[in-house]
PDB file of N, CA and C in Angstrom:
ATOM      1  N   MET A   1     140.117  12.253 149.396  1.00  0.00           N
ATOM      2  CA  MET A   1     141.549  12.113 149.456  1.00  0.00           C
ATOM      3  C   MET A   1     142.110  13.211 150.360  1.00  0.00           C
ATOM      4  N   PRO A   2     142.784  12.844 151.425  1.00  0.00           N
ATOM      5  CA  PRO A   2     143.320  13.865 152.343  1.00  0.00           C
ATOM      6  C   PRO A   2     144.531  14.572 151.729  1.00  0.00           C
ATOM      7  N   LYS A   3     144.605  15.841 151.996  1.00  0.00           N
ATOM      8  CA  LYS A   3     145.748  16.611 151.512  1.00  0.00           C
ATOM      9  C   LYS A   3     146.810  16.627 152.602  1.00  0.00           C
ATOM     10  N   THR A   4     147.989  16.263 152.228  1.00  0.00           N
ATOM     11  CA  THR A   4     149.100  16.313 153.177  1.00  0.00           C
ATOM     12  C   THR A   4     150.155  17.262 152.633  1.00  0.00           C
ATOM     13  N   TYR A   5     150.762  17.972 153.513  1.00  0.00           N
ATOM     14  CA  TYR A   5     151.782  18.931 153.136  1.00  0.00           C
ATOM     15  C   TYR A   5     153.061  18.596 153.882  1.00  0.00           C
ATOM     16  N   LEU A   6     154.155  18.738 153.184  1.00  0.00           N
ATOM     17  CA  LEU A   6     155.444  18.548 153.820  1.00  0.00           C
ATOM     18  C   LEU A   6     155.850  19.832 154.523  1.00  0.00           C
ATOM     19  N   VAL A   7     156.547  19.672 155.608  1.00  0.00           N
ATOM     20  CA  VAL A   7     157.071  20.827 156.317  1.00  0.00           C
ATOM     21  C   VAL A   7     158.192  21.418 155.463  1.00  0.00           C
ATOM     22  N   PRO A   8     158.181  22.729 155.255  1.00  0.00           N
ATOM     23  CA  PRO A   8     159.248  23.313 154.431  1.00  0.00           C
ATOM     24  C   PRO A   8     160.600  23.165 155.123  1.00  0.00           C
ATOM     25  N   PRO A   9     161.662  23.076 154.337  1.00  0.00           N
ATOM     26  CA  PRO A   9     162.988  22.927 154.947  1.00  0.00           C
ATOM     27  C   PRO A   9     163.385  24.187 155.703  1.00  0.00           C
ATOM     28  N   ALA A  10     164.273  24.018 156.645  1.00  0.00           N
ATOM     29  CA  ALA A  10     164.739  25.153 157.440  1.00  0.00           C
ATOM     30  C   ALA A  10     165.543  26.104 156.556  1.00  0.00           C
ATOM     31  N   PRO A  11     165.413  27.405 156.791  1.00  0.00           N
ATOM     32  CA  PRO A  11     166.194  28.351 155.990  1.00  0.00           C
ATOM     33  C   PRO A  11     167.680  28.241 156.335  1.00  0.00           C
ATOM     34  N   PRO A  12     168.538  28.732 155.450  1.00  0.00           N
ATOM     35  CA  PRO A  12     169.972  28.687 155.747  1.00  0.00           C
ATOM     36  C   PRO A  12     170.286  29.465 157.022  1.00  0.00           C
ATOM     37  N   GLN A  13     171.255  28.996 157.749  1.00  0.00           N
ATOM     38  CA  GLN A  13     171.591  29.622 159.025  1.00  0.00           C
ATOM     39  C   GLN A  13     172.304  30.964 158.859  1.00  0.00           C
ATOM     40  N   ASN A  14     172.920  31.192 157.711  1.00  0.00           N
ATOM     41  CA  ASN A  14     173.654  32.442 157.544  1.00  0.00           C
ATOM     42  C   ASN A  14     172.762  33.598 157.102  1.00  0.00           C
ATOM     43  N   GLU A  15     171.507  33.341 156.788  1.00  0.00           N
ATOM     44  CA  GLU A  15     170.534  34.357 156.392  1.00  0.00           C
ATOM     45  C   GLU A  15     171.023  35.219 155.235  1.00  0.00           C
ATOM     46  N   GLY A  16     171.864  34.658 154.389  1.00  0.00           N
ATOM     47  CA  GLY A  16     172.362  35.404 153.247  1.00  0.00           C
ATOM     48  C   GLY A  16     173.539  36.310 153.549  1.00  0.00           C
ATOM     49  N   LYS A  17     174.025  36.288 154.780  1.00  0.00           N
ATOM     50  CA  LYS A  17     175.161  37.138 155.156  1.00  0.00           C
ATOM     51  C   LYS A  17     176.453  36.408 154.809  1.00  0.00           C
ATOM     52  N   THR A  18     176.828  36.481 153.547  1.00  0.00           N
ATOM     53  CA  THR A  18     178.003  35.776 153.064  1.00  0.00           C
ATOM     54  C   THR A  18     179.048  36.776 152.592  1.00  0.00           C
ATOM     55  N   VAL A  19     180.247  36.274 152.367  1.00  0.00           N
ATOM     56  CA  VAL A  19     181.326  37.130 151.870  1.00  0.00           C
ATOM     57  C   VAL A  19     180.942  37.729 150.518  1.00  0.00           C
ATOM     58  N   ALA A  20     180.342  36.915 149.664  1.00  0.00           N
ATOM     59  CA  ALA A  20     179.943  37.408 148.343  1.00  0.00           C
ATOM     60  C   ALA A  20     178.900  38.522 148.466  1.00  0.00           C
ATOM     61  N   ALA A  21     177.941  38.347 149.350  1.00  0.00           N
ATOM     62  CA  ALA A  21     176.887  39.353 149.512  1.00  0.00           C
ATOM     63  C   ALA A  21     177.431  40.654 150.098  1.00  0.00           C
ATOM     64  N   TRP A  22     178.277  40.551 151.110  1.00  0.00           N
ATOM     65  CA  TRP A  22     178.844  41.755 151.722  1.00  0.00           C
ATOM     66  C   TRP A  22     179.749  42.500 150.749  1.00  0.00           C
ATOM     67  N   THR A  23     180.545  41.763 149.987  1.00  0.00           N
ATOM     68  CA  THR A  23     181.422  42.400 149.006  1.00  0.00           C
ATOM     69  C   THR A  23     180.602  43.093 147.925  1.00  0.00           C
ATOM     70  N   PHE A  24     179.582  42.402 147.429  1.00  0.00           N
ATOM     71  CA  PHE A  24     178.706  42.987 146.414  1.00  0.00           C
ATOM     72  C   PHE A  24     178.050  44.261 146.941  1.00  0.00           C
ATOM     73  N   SER A  25     177.509  44.203 148.150  1.00  0.00           N
ATOM     74  CA  SER A  25     176.811  45.364 148.719  1.00  0.00           C
ATOM     75  C   SER A  25     177.754  46.542 148.924  1.00  0.00           C
ATOM     76  N   ALA A  26     178.951  46.268 149.426  1.00  0.00           N
ATOM     77  CA  ALA A  26     179.907  47.350 149.676  1.00  0.00           C
ATOM     78  C   ALA A  26     180.341  48.018 148.374  1.00  0.00           C
ATOM     79  N   LEU A  27     180.596  47.220 147.344  1.00  0.00           N
ATOM     80  CA  LEU A  27     181.022  47.800 146.069  1.00  0.00           C
ATOM     81  C   LEU A  27     179.893  48.570 145.388  1.00  0.00           C
ATOM     82  N   VAL A  28     178.672  48.080 145.489  1.00  0.00           N
ATOM     83  CA  VAL A  28     177.540  48.816 144.911  1.00  0.00           C
ATOM     84  C   VAL A  28     177.332  50.133 145.659  1.00  0.00           C
ATOM     85  N   LEU A  29     177.461  50.109 146.979  1.00  0.00           N
ATOM     86  CA  LEU A  29     177.329  51.340 147.760  1.00  0.00           C
ATOM     87  C   LEU A  29     178.414  52.342 147.378  1.00  0.00           C
ATOM     88  N   LEU A  30     179.649  51.863 147.253  1.00  0.00           N
ATOM     89  CA  LEU A  30     180.744  52.739 146.842  1.00  0.00           C
ATOM     90  C   LEU A  30     180.478  53.321 145.455  1.00  0.00           C
ATOM     91  N   GLY A  31     180.023  52.487 144.534  1.00  0.00           N
ATOM     92  CA  GLY A  31     179.715  52.966 143.189  1.00  0.00           C
ATOM     93  C   GLY A  31     178.596  53.993 143.189  1.00  0.00           C
ATOM     94  N   ALA A  32     177.578  53.774 144.007  1.00  0.00           N
ATOM     95  CA  ALA A  32     176.465  54.723 144.078  1.00  0.00           C
ATOM     96  C   ALA A  32     176.913  56.062 144.659  1.00  0.00           C
ATOM     97  N   ILE A  33     177.778  56.010 145.663  1.00  0.00           N
ATOM     98  CA  ILE A  33     178.285  57.253 146.255  1.00  0.00           C
ATOM     99  C   ILE A  33     179.126  58.021 145.240  1.00  0.00           C
ATOM    100  N   LEU A  34     180.004  57.310 144.537  1.00  0.00           N
ATOM    101  CA  LEU A  34     180.830  57.974 143.527  1.00  0.00           C
ATOM    102  C   LEU A  34     179.971  58.548 142.401  1.00  0.00           C
ATOM    103  N   PHE A  35     178.963  57.802 141.986  1.00  0.00           N
ATOM    104  CA  PHE A  35     178.058  58.288 140.943  1.00  0.00           C
ATOM    105  C   PHE A  35     177.323  59.542 141.415  1.00  0.00           C
ATOM    106  N   ALA A  36     176.846  59.525 142.650  1.00  0.00           N
ATOM    107  CA  ALA A  36     176.131  60.689 143.187  1.00  0.00           C
ATOM    108  C   ALA A  36     177.053  61.902 143.289  1.00  0.00           C
ATOM    109  N   LEU A  37     178.282  61.681 143.733  1.00  0.00           N
ATOM    110  CA  LEU A  37     179.233  62.797 143.789  1.00  0.00           C
ATOM    111  C   LEU A  37     179.517  63.343 142.393  1.00  0.00           C
ATOM    112  N   GLY A  38     179.591  62.459 141.426  1.00  0.00           N
ATOM    113  CA  GLY A  38     179.784  62.907 140.050  1.00  0.00           C
ATOM    114  C   GLY A  38     178.612  63.721 139.538  1.00  0.00           C
ATOM    115  N   MET A  39     177.400  63.341 139.940  1.00  0.00           N
ATOM    116  CA  MET A  39     176.217  64.103 139.532  1.00  0.00           C
ATOM    117  C   MET A  39     176.208  65.490 140.180  1.00  0.00           C
ATOM    118  N   VAL A  40     176.558  65.539 141.459  1.00  0.00           N
ATOM    119  CA  VAL A  40     176.507  66.808 142.186  1.00  0.00           C
ATOM    120  C   VAL A  40     177.598  67.759 141.705  1.00  0.00           C
ATOM    121  N   THR A  41     178.813  67.227 141.518  1.00  0.00           N
ATOM    122  CA  THR A  41     179.926  68.091 141.132  1.00  0.00           C
ATOM    123  C   THR A  41     180.029  68.302 139.629  1.00  0.00           C
ATOM    124  N   GLY A  42     179.312  67.506 138.851  1.00  0.00           N
ATOM    125  CA  GLY A  42     179.353  67.652 137.401  1.00  0.00           C
ATOM    126  C   GLY A  42     180.592  67.055 136.757  1.00  0.00           C
ATOM    127  N   GLN A  43     181.267  66.166 137.455  1.00  0.00           N
ATOM    128  CA  GLN A  43     182.467  65.528 136.911  1.00  0.00           C
ATOM    129  C   GLN A  43     182.088  64.192 136.282  1.00  0.00           C
ATOM    130  N   SER A  44     182.257  64.128 134.984  1.00  0.00           N
ATOM    131  CA  SER A  44     181.878  62.901 134.282  1.00  0.00           C
ATOM    132  C   SER A  44     182.796  61.737 134.623  1.00  0.00           C
ATOM    133  N   VAL A  45     184.013  62.033 135.059  1.00  0.00           N
ATOM    134  CA  VAL A  45     184.937  60.954 135.440  1.00  0.00           C
ATOM    135  C   VAL A  45     184.378  60.192 136.644  1.00  0.00           C
ATOM    136  N   LEU A  46     183.856  60.912 137.615  1.00  0.00           N
ATOM    137  CA  LEU A  46     183.269  60.248 138.784  1.00  0.00           C
ATOM    138  C   LEU A  46     182.035  59.442 138.402  1.00  0.00           C
ATOM    139  N   LEU A  47     181.264  59.938 137.459  1.00  0.00           N
ATOM    140  CA  LEU A  47     180.107  59.181 136.978  1.00  0.00           C
ATOM    141  C   LEU A  47     180.545  57.842 136.400  1.00  0.00           C
ATOM    142  N   LEU A  48     181.554  57.878 135.559  1.00  0.00           N
ATOM    143  CA  LEU A  48     182.034  56.654 134.923  1.00  0.00           C
ATOM    144  C   LEU A  48     182.681  55.706 135.929  1.00  0.00           C
ATOM    145  N   VAL A  49     183.405  56.252 136.885  1.00  0.00           N
ATOM    146  CA  VAL A  49     184.016  55.407 137.919  1.00  0.00           C
ATOM    147  C   VAL A  49     182.929  54.757 138.771  1.00  0.00           C
ATOM    148  N   GLY A  50     181.881  55.488 139.074  1.00  0.00           N
ATOM    149  CA  GLY A  50     180.766  54.919 139.831  1.00  0.00           C
ATOM    150  C   GLY A  50     180.075  53.800 139.085  1.00  0.00           C
ATOM    151  N   ILE A  51     179.836  54.005 137.798  1.00  0.00           N
ATOM    152  CA  ILE A  51     179.227  52.950 136.979  1.00  0.00           C
ATOM    153  C   ILE A  51     180.157  51.747 136.901  1.00  0.00           C
ATOM    154  N   GLY A  52     181.451  52.022 136.749  1.00  0.00           N
ATOM    155  CA  GLY A  52     182.432  50.936 136.702  1.00  0.00           C
ATOM    156  C   GLY A  52     182.476  50.143 137.995  1.00  0.00           C
ATOM    157  N   ALA A  53     182.324  50.821 139.127  1.00  0.00           N
ATOM    158  CA  ALA A  53     182.332  50.126 140.414  1.00  0.00           C
ATOM    159  C   ALA A  53     181.122  49.209 140.550  1.00  0.00           C
ATOM    160  N   VAL A  54     179.979  49.637 140.049  1.00  0.00           N
ATOM    161  CA  VAL A  54     178.783  48.788 140.111  1.00  0.00           C
ATOM    162  C   VAL A  54     178.941  47.571 139.203  1.00  0.00           C
ATOM    163  N   VAL A  55     179.483  47.778 138.018  1.00  0.00           N
ATOM    164  CA  VAL A  55     179.725  46.646 137.112  1.00  0.00           C
ATOM    165  C   VAL A  55     180.743  45.696 137.730  1.00  0.00           C
ATOM    166  N   LEU A  56     181.789  46.250 138.338  1.00  0.00           N
ATOM    167  CA  LEU A  56     182.788  45.426 139.020  1.00  0.00           C
ATOM    168  C   LEU A  56     182.158  44.639 140.162  1.00  0.00           C
ATOM    169  N   ALA A  57     181.224  45.259 140.876  1.00  0.00           N
ATOM    170  CA  ALA A  57     180.541  44.569 141.974  1.00  0.00           C
ATOM    171  C   ALA A  57     179.773  43.358 141.466  1.00  0.00           C
ATOM    172  N   ILE A  58     179.118  43.501 140.335  1.00  0.00           N
ATOM    173  CA  ILE A  58     178.367  42.379 139.762  1.00  0.00           C
ATOM    174  C   ILE A  58     179.311  41.240 139.404  1.00  0.00           C
ATOM    175  N   VAL A  59     180.418  41.570 138.769  1.00  0.00           N
ATOM    176  CA  VAL A  59     181.378  40.543 138.351  1.00  0.00           C
ATOM    177  C   VAL A  59     182.016  39.868 139.565  1.00  0.00           C
ATOM    178  N   VAL A  60     182.471  40.662 140.526  1.00  0.00           N
ATOM    179  CA  VAL A  60     183.125  40.101 141.716  1.00  0.00           C
ATOM    180  C   VAL A  60     182.137  39.273 142.533  1.00  0.00           C
ATOM    181  N   GLY A  61     180.918  39.744 142.679  1.00  0.00           N
ATOM    182  CA  GLY A  61     179.909  38.974 143.409  1.00  0.00           C
ATOM    183  C   GLY A  61     179.634  37.635 142.766  1.00  0.00           C
ATOM    184  N   PHE A  62     179.542  37.620 141.437  1.00  0.00           N
ATOM    185  CA  PHE A  62     179.314  36.362 140.721  1.00  0.00           C
ATOM    186  C   PHE A  62     180.502  35.418 140.882  1.00  0.00           C
ATOM    187  N   ILE A  63     181.710  35.956 140.772  1.00  0.00           N
ATOM    188  CA  ILE A  63     182.907  35.120 140.924  1.00  0.00           C
ATOM    189  C   ILE A  63     182.988  34.545 142.334  1.00  0.00           C
ATOM    190  N   LEU A  64     182.726  35.359 143.344  1.00  0.00           N
ATOM    191  CA  LEU A  64     182.773  34.862 144.722  1.00  0.00           C
ATOM    192  C   LEU A  64     181.695  33.812 144.972  1.00  0.00           C
ATOM    193  N   ARG A  65     180.523  34.020 144.392  1.00  0.00           N
ATOM    194  CA  ARG A  65     179.455  33.035 144.578  1.00  0.00           C
ATOM    195  C   ARG A  65     179.821  31.703 143.946  1.00  0.00           C
ATOM    196  N   THR A  66     180.373  31.746 142.745  1.00  0.00           N
ATOM    197  CA  THR A  66     180.749  30.492 142.086  1.00  0.00           C
ATOM    198  C   THR A  66     181.966  29.852 142.750  1.00  0.00           C
ATOM    199  N   ALA A  67     182.775  30.640 143.461  1.00  0.00           N
ATOM    200  CA  ALA A  67     183.930  30.091 144.171  1.00  0.00           C
ATOM    201  C   ALA A  67     183.529  29.471 145.508  1.00  0.00           C
ATOM    202  N   GLY A  68     182.268  29.590 145.886  1.00  0.00           N
ATOM    203  CA  GLY A  68     181.796  28.962 147.108  1.00  0.00           C
ATOM    204  C   GLY A  68     181.656  29.889 148.296  1.00  0.00           C
ATOM    205  N   PHE A  69     181.775  31.191 148.079  1.00  0.00           N
ATOM    206  CA  PHE A  69     181.662  32.143 149.177  1.00  0.00           C
ATOM    207  C   PHE A  69     180.273  32.754 149.287  1.00  0.00           C
ATOM    208  N   GLY A  70     179.321  32.228 148.536  1.00  0.00           N
ATOM    209  CA  GLY A  70     177.962  32.756 148.559  1.00  0.00           C
ATOM    210  C   GLY A  70     177.001  31.797 149.222  1.00  0.00           C
ATOM    211  N   GLN A  71     175.726  32.092 149.053  1.00  0.00           N
ATOM    212  CA  GLN A  71     174.666  31.241 149.593  1.00  0.00           C
ATOM    213  C   GLN A  71     174.720  29.870 148.926  1.00  0.00           C
ATOM    214  N   LYS A  72     174.547  28.834 149.709  1.00  0.00           N
ATOM    215  CA  LYS A  72     174.545  27.480 149.159  1.00  0.00           C
ATOM    216  C   LYS A  72     173.320  27.301 148.269  1.00  0.00           C
ATOM    217  N   VAL A  73     173.529  26.736 147.093  1.00  0.00           N
ATOM    218  CA  VAL A  73     172.458  26.541 146.123  1.00  0.00           C
ATOM    219  C   VAL A  73     171.844  25.166 146.333  1.00  0.00           C
ATOM    220  N   LYS A  74     170.520  25.140 146.435  1.00  0.00           N
ATOM    221  CA  LYS A  74     169.819  23.858 146.563  1.00  0.00           C
ATOM    222  C   LYS A  74     169.536  23.337 145.171  1.00  0.00           C
ATOM    223  N   ARG A  75     169.936  22.113 144.908  1.00  0.00           N
ATOM    224  CA  ARG A  75     169.714  21.529 143.583  1.00  0.00           C
ATOM    225  C   ARG A  75     168.834  20.335 143.688  1.00  0.00           C
TER     226      ARG A  75
END
């Protein structure tokens, strides 16, 4: 019995560079910077704001993805 393989589908043209991805990345970077500054300066407020920014990034990224600004989902 010969084995046949289908050609895989072409990858998305945007390569994952979507509004949701850029927003998520920017907010996580901002949160990491604030967290690091809080660690260096010893200010717990900056630590909490940094953690909050990362949590906000997760929520905003999910909302943008479900609103259609993310990578198209293959079903």
